């Protein structure tokens, strides 16, 4: 089993910045993909950004140029720096770890952006 603990959500004004962090513990394999998904009210959960232990990065088109994902493999930690936040970024953001056929989710951290 893997446990994911998120931190860093909050309320900001449009144009502001936030950094989300997620730490993984438990049976974390040497190769995995960690990242962030989000779910806005009334919408499906969607990809925000992911990064593998081999540094392969994937961003949603809507966040390219504004968000930066990074990870610290030694600590099994991933961070998401979010700049230029927009009201459409308002959502619960979930940390995800994918290894083998298993996917693990954090409990989510809320990001709210006011206009």
N, C-alpha and C. Protein backbone atom coordinates (compact mmCIF):
# COMPACT_ATOMS: atom_id res chain seq x y z
N UNK A 1 0.82 -1.20 0.00
CA UNK A 1 0.00 0.00 0.00
C UNK A 1 0.86 1.25 0.00
N UNK A 2 0.31 2.30 -0.57
CA UNK A 2 0.99 3.58 -0.63
C UNK A 2 0.06 4.64 -0.05
N UNK A 3 0.62 5.52 0.74
CA UNK A 3 -0.15 6.62 1.31
C UNK A 3 0.37 7.92 0.73
N UNK A 4 -0.56 8.80 0.33
CA UNK A 4 -0.21 10.10 -0.24
C UNK A 4 -0.78 11.19 0.65
N UNK A 5 0.05 12.15 1.01
CA UNK A 5 -0.38 13.26 1.85
C UNK A 5 -0.11 14.56 1.11
N UNK A 6 -1.16 15.34 0.91
CA UNK A 6 -1.06 16.59 0.15
C UNK A 6 -1.07 17.79 1.10
N UNK A 7 -0.51 18.88 0.61
CA UNK A 7 -0.58 20.15 1.34
C UNK A 7 -0.47 21.29 0.35
N UNK A 8 -0.90 22.48 0.77
CA UNK A 8 -0.63 23.67 -0.01
C UNK A 8 -1.82 24.32 -0.69
N UNK A 9 -3.00 23.76 -0.59
CA UNK A 9 -4.14 24.41 -1.22
C UNK A 9 -4.53 25.68 -0.49
N UNK A 10 -5.50 26.40 -1.05
CA UNK A 10 -5.96 27.61 -0.40
C UNK A 10 -6.78 28.48 -1.33
N UNK A 11 -7.03 29.70 -0.87
CA UNK A 11 -7.80 30.68 -1.63
C UNK A 11 -6.88 31.81 -2.07
N UNK A 12 -6.89 32.12 -3.37
CA UNK A 12 -6.09 33.22 -3.89
C UNK A 12 -6.91 34.02 -4.89
N UNK A 13 -6.44 35.21 -5.16
CA UNK A 13 -7.07 36.02 -6.20
C UNK A 13 -6.51 35.64 -7.57
N UNK A 14 -7.27 35.93 -8.59
CA UNK A 14 -6.80 35.67 -9.94
C UNK A 14 -5.45 36.33 -10.18
N UNK A 15 -4.56 35.58 -10.81
CA UNK A 15 -3.21 36.06 -11.04
C UNK A 15 -2.23 35.66 -9.97
N UNK A 16 -2.74 35.11 -8.88
CA UNK A 16 -1.89 34.72 -7.76
C UNK A 16 -1.21 33.38 -7.98
N UNK A 17 -0.49 32.95 -6.96
CA UNK A 17 0.30 31.72 -7.04
C UNK A 17 0.06 30.84 -5.82
N UNK A 18 0.19 29.56 -6.03
CA UNK A 18 0.16 28.57 -4.95
C UNK A 18 1.10 27.44 -5.32
N UNK A 19 1.62 26.77 -4.30
CA UNK A 19 2.43 25.57 -4.54
C UNK A 19 1.81 24.41 -3.77
N UNK A 20 1.52 23.33 -4.47
CA UNK A 20 1.02 22.11 -3.86
C UNK A 20 2.16 21.12 -3.69
N UNK A 21 2.13 20.38 -2.59
CA UNK A 21 3.13 19.35 -2.35
C UNK A 21 2.45 18.05 -1.98
N UNK A 22 3.10 16.97 -2.32
CA UNK A 22 2.57 15.64 -2.01
C UNK A 22 3.73 14.71 -1.67
N UNK A 23 3.60 14.02 -0.55
CA UNK A 23 4.61 13.06 -0.14
C UNK A 23 4.02 11.66 -0.14
N UNK A 24 4.77 10.72 -0.68
CA UNK A 24 4.34 9.34 -0.72
C UNK A 24 5.12 8.52 0.30
N UNK A 25 4.44 7.57 0.90
CA UNK A 25 5.10 6.66 1.84
C UNK A 25 4.51 5.27 1.65
N UNK A 26 5.23 4.29 2.15
CA UNK A 26 4.78 2.91 2.00
C UNK A 26 5.56 2.18 0.92
N UNK A 27 4.88 1.33 0.18
CA UNK A 27 5.54 0.45 -0.80
C UNK A 27 5.69 1.16 -2.15
N UNK A 28 6.54 2.17 -2.17
CA UNK A 28 6.77 2.94 -3.38
C UNK A 28 7.86 2.27 -4.20
N UNK A 29 7.59 1.96 -5.44
CA UNK A 29 8.55 1.31 -6.31
C UNK A 29 9.54 2.33 -6.89
N UNK A 30 10.68 1.80 -7.38
CA UNK A 30 11.71 2.71 -7.88
C UNK A 30 11.28 3.44 -9.15
N UNK A 31 10.39 2.83 -9.95
CA UNK A 31 9.84 3.53 -11.11
C UNK A 31 8.37 3.79 -10.87
N UNK A 32 8.00 5.04 -10.95
CA UNK A 32 6.59 5.39 -10.80
C UNK A 32 6.33 6.73 -11.48
N UNK A 33 5.09 7.06 -11.57
CA UNK A 33 4.67 8.36 -12.10
C UNK A 33 3.83 9.03 -11.03
N UNK A 34 4.25 10.20 -10.63
CA UNK A 34 3.49 10.97 -9.63
C UNK A 34 2.98 12.23 -10.30
N UNK A 35 1.86 12.71 -9.81
CA UNK A 35 1.35 13.93 -10.40
C UNK A 35 0.07 14.40 -9.76
N UNK A 36 -0.60 15.28 -10.47
CA UNK A 36 -1.78 15.94 -9.95
C UNK A 36 -2.92 15.87 -10.96
N UNK A 37 -4.10 15.62 -10.41
CA UNK A 37 -5.34 15.70 -11.15
C UNK A 37 -6.25 16.65 -10.39
N UNK A 38 -7.28 17.13 -11.03
CA UNK A 38 -8.21 18.03 -10.35
C UNK A 38 -9.64 17.75 -10.78
N UNK A 39 -10.55 18.11 -9.89
CA UNK A 39 -11.97 17.93 -10.19
C UNK A 39 -12.73 19.17 -9.74
N UNK A 40 -13.28 19.87 -10.70
CA UNK A 40 -14.10 21.04 -10.40
C UNK A 40 -15.53 20.60 -10.16
N UNK A 41 -16.32 21.41 -9.47
CA UNK A 41 -17.72 21.04 -9.20
C UNK A 41 -18.48 20.74 -10.48
N UNK A 42 -19.13 19.59 -10.52
CA UNK A 42 -19.93 19.21 -11.67
C UNK A 42 -19.15 18.72 -12.86
N UNK A 43 -17.84 18.57 -12.70
CA UNK A 43 -17.01 18.12 -13.83
C UNK A 43 -16.26 16.85 -13.47
N UNK A 44 -15.74 16.19 -14.50
CA UNK A 44 -14.96 14.97 -14.28
C UNK A 44 -13.55 15.32 -13.83
N UNK A 45 -12.92 14.37 -13.16
CA UNK A 45 -11.53 14.56 -12.76
C UNK A 45 -10.66 14.60 -14.02
N UNK A 46 -9.71 15.52 -14.04
CA UNK A 46 -8.85 15.68 -15.20
C UNK A 46 -7.39 15.80 -14.82
N UNK A 47 -6.55 15.44 -15.77
CA UNK A 47 -5.11 15.54 -15.58
C UNK A 47 -4.69 17.01 -15.47
N UNK A 48 -3.76 17.28 -14.55
CA UNK A 48 -3.11 18.59 -14.50
C UNK A 48 -1.67 18.44 -14.98
N UNK A 49 -0.91 17.59 -14.29
CA UNK A 49 0.49 17.39 -14.66
C UNK A 49 1.00 16.12 -14.00
N UNK A 50 1.88 15.40 -14.70
CA UNK A 50 2.52 14.23 -14.11
C UNK A 50 4.00 14.23 -14.46
N UNK A 51 4.76 13.53 -13.64
CA UNK A 51 6.19 13.44 -13.85
C UNK A 51 6.67 12.07 -13.40
N UNK A 52 7.44 11.39 -14.24
CA UNK A 52 7.92 10.06 -13.87
C UNK A 52 9.26 10.16 -13.14
N UNK A 53 9.69 9.06 -12.57
CA UNK A 53 11.00 9.02 -11.92
C UNK A 53 12.12 9.17 -12.94
N UNK A 54 11.78 9.04 -14.23
CA UNK A 54 12.77 9.26 -15.29
C UNK A 54 12.62 10.63 -15.92
N UNK A 55 11.91 11.51 -15.19
CA UNK A 55 11.77 12.92 -15.56
C UNK A 55 10.93 13.18 -16.80
N UNK A 56 10.10 12.25 -17.18
CA UNK A 56 9.18 12.51 -18.29
C UNK A 56 7.99 13.28 -17.72
N UNK A 57 7.68 14.42 -18.33
CA UNK A 57 6.64 15.32 -17.83
C UNK A 57 5.51 15.43 -18.83
N UNK A 58 4.30 15.52 -18.29
CA UNK A 58 3.11 15.70 -19.11
C UNK A 58 2.24 16.76 -18.45
N UNK A 59 1.84 17.78 -19.22
CA UNK A 59 0.98 18.85 -18.72
C UNK A 59 -0.33 18.87 -19.52
N UNK A 60 -1.40 19.23 -18.85
CA UNK A 60 -2.63 19.56 -19.56
C UNK A 60 -2.40 20.85 -20.34
N UNK A 61 -3.01 20.96 -21.51
CA UNK A 61 -2.83 22.16 -22.32
C UNK A 61 -3.23 23.42 -21.57
N UNK A 62 -4.23 23.30 -20.71
CA UNK A 62 -4.76 24.48 -20.02
C UNK A 62 -3.80 25.07 -18.99
N UNK A 63 -2.78 24.30 -18.60
CA UNK A 63 -1.86 24.80 -17.57
C UNK A 63 -0.45 25.02 -18.09
N UNK A 64 -0.19 24.66 -19.32
CA UNK A 64 1.16 24.83 -19.89
C UNK A 64 1.57 26.30 -19.84
N UNK A 65 2.80 26.52 -19.39
CA UNK A 65 3.31 27.88 -19.28
C UNK A 65 2.96 28.57 -17.98
N UNK A 66 2.05 27.99 -17.21
CA UNK A 66 1.66 28.59 -15.92
C UNK A 66 2.06 27.71 -14.73
N UNK A 67 1.98 26.39 -14.91
CA UNK A 67 2.27 25.46 -13.82
C UNK A 67 3.58 24.74 -14.09
N UNK A 68 4.30 24.41 -13.02
CA UNK A 68 5.55 23.67 -13.13
C UNK A 68 5.55 22.53 -12.12
N UNK A 69 5.74 21.32 -12.61
CA UNK A 69 5.81 20.16 -11.72
C UNK A 69 7.27 19.80 -11.49
N UNK A 70 7.57 19.36 -10.28
CA UNK A 70 8.92 18.90 -9.96
C UNK A 70 8.81 17.79 -8.95
N UNK A 71 9.86 17.00 -8.85
CA UNK A 71 9.82 15.93 -7.86
C UNK A 71 11.18 15.69 -7.25
N UNK A 72 11.13 15.09 -6.07
CA UNK A 72 12.33 14.75 -5.31
C UNK A 72 12.28 13.26 -5.08
N UNK A 73 12.94 12.53 -5.97
CA UNK A 73 12.79 11.07 -5.95
C UNK A 73 13.26 10.44 -4.64
N UNK A 74 14.28 11.01 -4.07
CA UNK A 74 14.80 10.44 -2.83
C UNK A 74 13.75 10.47 -1.73
N UNK A 75 12.92 11.52 -1.76
CA UNK A 75 11.90 11.68 -0.72
C UNK A 75 10.53 11.24 -1.20
N UNK A 76 10.42 10.75 -2.44
CA UNK A 76 9.11 10.38 -3.01
C UNK A 76 8.13 11.53 -2.83
N UNK A 77 8.55 12.69 -3.25
CA UNK A 77 7.74 13.90 -3.10
C UNK A 77 7.60 14.58 -4.45
N UNK A 78 6.41 15.10 -4.69
CA UNK A 78 6.17 15.86 -5.92
C UNK A 78 5.53 17.19 -5.56
N UNK A 79 5.91 18.24 -6.29
CA UNK A 79 5.36 19.57 -6.05
C UNK A 79 4.79 20.14 -7.34
N UNK A 80 3.82 21.01 -7.19
CA UNK A 80 3.23 21.68 -8.35
C UNK A 80 3.20 23.17 -8.04
N UNK A 81 4.03 23.92 -8.76
CA UNK A 81 4.04 25.37 -8.61
C UNK A 81 3.04 25.95 -9.61
N UNK A 82 2.07 26.69 -9.09
CA UNK A 82 1.01 27.23 -9.93
C UNK A 82 1.08 28.75 -9.92
N UNK A 83 1.28 29.33 -11.09
CA UNK A 83 1.32 30.78 -11.23
C UNK A 83 0.22 31.22 -12.19
N UNK A 84 -0.09 32.50 -12.13
CA UNK A 84 -1.13 33.01 -13.02
C UNK A 84 -2.45 32.29 -12.87
N UNK A 85 -2.84 32.01 -11.64
CA UNK A 85 -4.06 31.24 -11.41
C UNK A 85 -5.29 31.98 -11.91
N UNK A 86 -6.22 31.20 -12.44
CA UNK A 86 -7.45 31.73 -13.02
C UNK A 86 -8.64 31.11 -12.31
N UNK A 87 -9.79 31.78 -12.33
CA UNK A 87 -10.98 31.18 -11.69
C UNK A 87 -11.27 29.76 -12.18
N UNK A 88 -10.96 29.47 -13.44
CA UNK A 88 -11.20 28.12 -13.97
C UNK A 88 -10.28 27.07 -13.34
N UNK A 89 -9.28 27.49 -12.60
CA UNK A 89 -8.41 26.54 -11.90
C UNK A 89 -9.01 26.08 -10.58
N UNK A 90 -10.12 26.67 -10.19
CA UNK A 90 -10.78 26.29 -8.95
C UNK A 90 -11.22 24.84 -9.01
N UNK A 91 -10.73 24.04 -8.06
CA UNK A 91 -11.03 22.60 -8.06
C UNK A 91 -10.38 21.97 -6.83
N UNK A 92 -10.80 20.76 -6.54
CA UNK A 92 -10.06 19.94 -5.59
C UNK A 92 -8.95 19.26 -6.37
N UNK A 93 -7.73 19.42 -5.91
CA UNK A 93 -6.56 18.86 -6.58
C UNK A 93 -6.12 17.60 -5.84
N UNK A 94 -5.95 16.54 -6.58
CA UNK A 94 -5.60 15.24 -6.01
C UNK A 94 -4.21 14.80 -6.45
N UNK A 95 -3.42 14.37 -5.50
CA UNK A 95 -2.13 13.76 -5.82
C UNK A 95 -2.37 12.31 -6.26
N UNK A 96 -1.59 11.88 -7.23
CA UNK A 96 -1.73 10.53 -7.76
C UNK A 96 -0.37 9.89 -7.92
N UNK A 97 -0.29 8.62 -7.58
CA UNK A 97 0.92 7.84 -7.84
C UNK A 97 0.51 6.60 -8.61
N UNK A 98 1.17 6.39 -9.74
CA UNK A 98 0.89 5.25 -10.61
C UNK A 98 2.14 4.40 -10.71
N UNK A 99 2.05 3.14 -10.32
CA UNK A 99 3.17 2.21 -10.43
C UNK A 99 2.62 0.84 -10.76
N UNK A 100 3.21 0.22 -11.77
CA UNK A 100 2.68 -1.06 -12.23
C UNK A 100 1.24 -0.88 -12.67
N UNK A 101 0.36 -1.70 -12.13
CA UNK A 101 -1.06 -1.60 -12.46
C UNK A 101 -1.85 -0.88 -11.37
N UNK A 102 -1.14 -0.37 -10.37
CA UNK A 102 -1.79 0.27 -9.23
C UNK A 102 -1.79 1.79 -9.37
N UNK A 103 -2.89 2.38 -8.96
CA UNK A 103 -3.00 3.83 -8.85
C UNK A 103 -3.44 4.16 -7.44
N UNK A 104 -2.79 5.15 -6.87
CA UNK A 104 -3.13 5.58 -5.52
C UNK A 104 -3.48 7.06 -5.56
N UNK A 105 -4.41 7.45 -4.67
CA UNK A 105 -4.88 8.83 -4.64
C UNK A 105 -4.77 9.41 -3.24
N UNK A 106 -4.45 10.69 -3.19
CA UNK A 106 -4.55 11.41 -1.94
C UNK A 106 -5.99 11.81 -1.70
N UNK A 107 -6.24 12.42 -0.56
CA UNK A 107 -7.60 12.81 -0.20
C UNK A 107 -8.03 14.12 -0.85
N UNK A 108 -7.06 14.85 -1.42
CA UNK A 108 -7.38 16.07 -2.14
C UNK A 108 -7.14 17.32 -1.32
N UNK A 109 -6.76 18.39 -2.01
CA UNK A 109 -6.59 19.69 -1.39
C UNK A 109 -7.30 20.72 -2.27
N UNK A 110 -8.03 21.60 -1.64
CA UNK A 110 -8.88 22.52 -2.40
C UNK A 110 -8.12 23.78 -2.82
N UNK A 111 -8.27 24.14 -4.08
CA UNK A 111 -7.72 25.38 -4.62
C UNK A 111 -8.91 26.22 -5.10
N UNK A 112 -9.00 27.43 -4.59
CA UNK A 112 -10.09 28.32 -4.99
C UNK A 112 -9.48 29.64 -5.48
N UNK A 113 -9.89 30.07 -6.65
CA UNK A 113 -9.35 31.29 -7.24
C UNK A 113 -10.51 32.27 -7.46
N UNK A 114 -10.41 33.42 -6.82
CA UNK A 114 -11.47 34.42 -6.95
C UNK A 114 -11.13 35.41 -8.06
N UNK A 115 -12.17 35.91 -8.71
CA UNK A 115 -11.95 36.85 -9.83
C UNK A 115 -11.89 38.28 -9.34
